[in-house]
Amino acid sequence: MPGTIEKRLAELGVEIGTPAAPAANYVPTVRTGNLVFISGQVSQDASGLIKGKLGADMSVEDGAKAARSCAIRLIEQMKMATGDLDKVKRVVKLLGMVNSTPDFPDHPKVVNGCSDLLVEVFGDKGRHARSAVGVVNLPFGVAVEVEAIIEVE
């Protein structure tokens, strides 16, 4: 029987699956005490990686959609780490990295795509501290990568 958070995902029309295996020599999550550190999750949807550079070939809206896909990947990792999304007590911190041109100013607007979905799904438990930064490039040329720290039961 699905829990409260899985019901909320269904209401929002958000489908989560099994997380992809790491692309290099790292683990997707590390738990220490009641904190879970989630490795960076790249922008990706059912059709594959979402690639692009903000300020060059992607709009802020497209970047926010890419960041939203990162939130879905983070939720998949949360479920894998906890076995039950209702065990997530708090999204503590995000680091959002945006593949952008040097003069692109709207990193926070892009990363809002991730933050907004986490708040929609987890309510007040989804409100978090956050950094949103621009980078010259990201793995595989993806548009956005987001890592997270969550508190769990």
Protein backbone atom coordinates (compact mmCIF):
# COMPACT_ATOMS: atom_id res chain seq x y z
CA MET A 1 0.00 0.00 0.00
CA PRO A 2 1.54 3.33 -1.03
CA GLY A 3 2.42 5.81 1.69
CA THR A 4 1.49 9.48 1.93
CA ILE A 5 4.39 10.72 -0.21
CA GLU A 6 3.83 8.12 -2.94
CA LYS A 7 0.15 9.10 -3.04
CA ARG A 8 1.18 12.73 -3.39
CA LEU A 9 3.50 11.83 -6.28
CA ALA A 10 0.61 10.03 -7.99
CA GLU A 11 -1.66 13.07 -7.49
CA LEU A 12 1.01 15.23 -9.15
CA GLY A 13 1.40 12.75 -12.00
CA VAL A 14 5.05 12.15 -11.12
CA GLU A 15 6.34 8.67 -11.82
CA ILE A 16 9.48 7.46 -10.12
CA GLY A 17 11.44 4.44 -11.18
CA THR A 18 14.62 2.65 -10.26
CA PRO A 19 17.63 4.97 -10.11
CA ALA A 20 20.34 4.61 -12.70
CA ALA A 21 23.62 3.05 -11.65
CA PRO A 22 26.50 5.45 -10.96
CA ALA A 23 28.45 6.51 -14.05
CA ALA A 24 31.83 6.52 -12.27
CA ASN A 25 33.58 5.39 -9.07
CA TYR A 26 31.15 6.59 -6.40
CA VAL A 27 28.03 5.45 -4.56
CA PRO A 28 24.66 7.10 -5.11
CA THR A 29 23.99 7.70 -1.41
CA VAL A 30 25.83 7.64 1.90
CA ARG A 31 23.99 7.49 5.18
CA THR A 32 25.59 8.64 8.40
CA GLY A 33 23.32 8.77 11.42
CA ASN A 34 20.03 10.29 10.34
CA LEU A 35 21.47 12.11 7.31
CA VAL A 36 21.59 10.79 3.75
CA PHE A 37 23.94 12.48 1.28
CA ILE A 38 22.72 12.00 -2.29
CA SER A 39 25.26 12.24 -5.10
CA GLY A 40 24.56 14.66 -7.92
CA GLN A 41 21.62 13.66 -10.09
CA VAL A 42 21.72 14.87 -13.68
CA SER A 43 18.88 16.17 -15.81
CA GLN A 44 17.25 13.24 -17.53
CA ASP A 45 13.79 12.14 -18.61
CA ALA A 46 12.26 9.11 -20.33
CA SER A 47 13.87 10.09 -23.64
CA GLY A 48 17.38 10.38 -22.18
CA LEU A 49 19.74 13.02 -20.89
CA ILE A 50 18.58 16.63 -21.02
CA LYS A 51 21.56 18.46 -22.48
CA GLY A 52 22.18 22.13 -23.10
CA LYS A 53 23.75 25.34 -21.92
CA LEU A 54 21.67 28.05 -20.27
CA GLY A 55 22.27 31.40 -21.87
CA ALA A 56 23.15 29.75 -25.20
CA ASP A 57 20.72 27.10 -26.40
CA MET A 58 18.25 26.70 -23.50
CA SER A 59 15.64 29.01 -22.01
CA VAL A 60 15.18 29.49 -18.26
CA GLU A 61 11.90 27.56 -18.55
CA ASP A 62 13.64 24.63 -20.24
CA GLY A 63 16.34 24.75 -17.58
CA ALA A 64 13.72 24.67 -14.82
CA LYS A 65 12.17 21.58 -16.44
CA ALA A 66 15.62 19.99 -16.51
CA ALA A 67 16.05 20.82 -12.81
CA ARG A 68 12.61 19.32 -12.09
CA SER A 69 13.86 16.09 -13.64
CA CYS A 70 16.77 16.19 -11.18
CA ALA A 71 14.24 16.38 -8.33
CA ILE A 72 12.59 13.20 -9.62
CA ARG A 73 16.00 11.49 -9.72
CA LEU A 74 16.67 12.68 -6.14
CA ILE A 75 13.32 11.25 -4.99
CA GLU A 76 14.22 7.92 -6.63
CA GLN A 77 17.46 7.90 -4.65
CA MET A 78 15.58 8.83 -1.45
CA LYS A 79 13.31 5.84 -1.92
CA MET A 80 16.23 3.54 -2.66
CA ALA A 81 18.06 4.76 0.47
CA THR A 82 15.08 4.57 2.84
CA GLY A 83 12.75 1.96 1.34
CA ASP A 84 9.84 4.28 2.16
CA LEU A 85 9.57 7.95 1.21
CA ASP A 86 7.52 8.61 4.36
CA LYS A 87 10.78 8.12 6.30
CA VAL A 88 12.09 11.38 4.84
CA LYS A 89 11.88 13.87 7.72
CA ARG A 90 13.38 16.85 5.89
CA VAL A 91 15.13 17.93 2.74
CA VAL A 92 18.02 19.75 4.40
CA LYS A 93 20.19 21.17 1.60
CA LEU A 94 20.52 21.23 -2.18
CA LEU A 95 23.42 22.18 -4.37
CA GLY A 96 22.18 22.99 -7.87
CA MET A 97 24.72 23.29 -10.67
CA VAL A 98 23.66 24.89 -13.94
CA ASN A 99 25.59 24.43 -17.18
CA SER A 100 25.66 28.03 -18.37
CA THR A 101 27.44 30.76 -20.24
CA PRO A 102 29.61 33.12 -18.16
CA ASP A 103 27.07 35.94 -18.36
CA PHE A 104 23.95 33.88 -17.50
CA PRO A 105 22.39 35.42 -14.35
CA ASP A 106 19.34 33.25 -13.59
CA HIS A 107 20.75 30.13 -11.89
CA PRO A 108 18.26 30.42 -8.99
CA LYS A 109 15.30 30.51 -11.41
CA VAL A 110 16.57 27.33 -13.06
CA VAL A 111 17.16 25.45 -9.79
CA ASN A 112 13.68 26.49 -8.64
CA GLY A 113 12.43 23.70 -10.92
CA CYS A 114 13.95 21.21 -8.48
CA SER A 115 13.08 23.10 -5.30
CA ASP A 116 9.48 23.68 -6.31
CA LEU A 117 8.82 19.98 -6.95
CA LEU A 118 10.38 18.94 -3.64
CA VAL A 119 8.10 21.38 -1.79
CA GLU A 120 5.08 20.19 -3.80
CA VAL A 121 5.85 16.59 -2.87
CA PHE A 122 7.04 16.91 0.74
CA GLY A 123 5.29 20.11 1.85
CA ASP A 124 7.14 21.99 4.59
CA LYS A 125 9.52 19.00 4.96
CA GLY A 126 10.67 19.80 1.42
CA ARG A 127 11.76 23.38 2.22
CA HIS A 128 15.54 23.47 2.27
CA ALA A 129 18.71 25.50 2.30
CA ARG A 130 20.19 25.79 -1.18
CA SER A 131 23.00 26.98 -3.39
CA ALA A 132 22.54 27.56 -7.13
CA VAL A 133 25.71 28.03 -9.12
CA GLY A 134 26.75 28.29 -12.75
CA VAL A 135 29.43 25.99 -14.10
CA VAL A 136 31.29 25.88 -17.40
CA ASN A 137 30.23 22.28 -18.10
CA LEU A 138 28.57 19.25 -16.52
CA PRO A 139 28.97 15.50 -17.11
CA PHE A 140 27.78 14.36 -20.55
CA GLY A 141 26.84 17.97 -21.39
CA VAL A 142 23.69 17.88 -19.23
CA ALA A 143 21.95 21.14 -18.41
CA VAL A 144 21.58 20.69 -14.63
CA GLU A 145 22.92 18.54 -11.82
CA VAL A 146 21.61 18.63 -8.24
CA GLU A 147 22.88 16.93 -5.09
CA ALA A 148 21.04 16.79 -1.76
CA ILE A 149 21.28 16.15 1.94
CA ILE A 150 18.16 14.74 3.58
CA GLU A 151 17.23 13.86 7.14
CA VAL A 152 15.55 10.48 7.65
CA GLU A 153 13.97 8.50 10.46
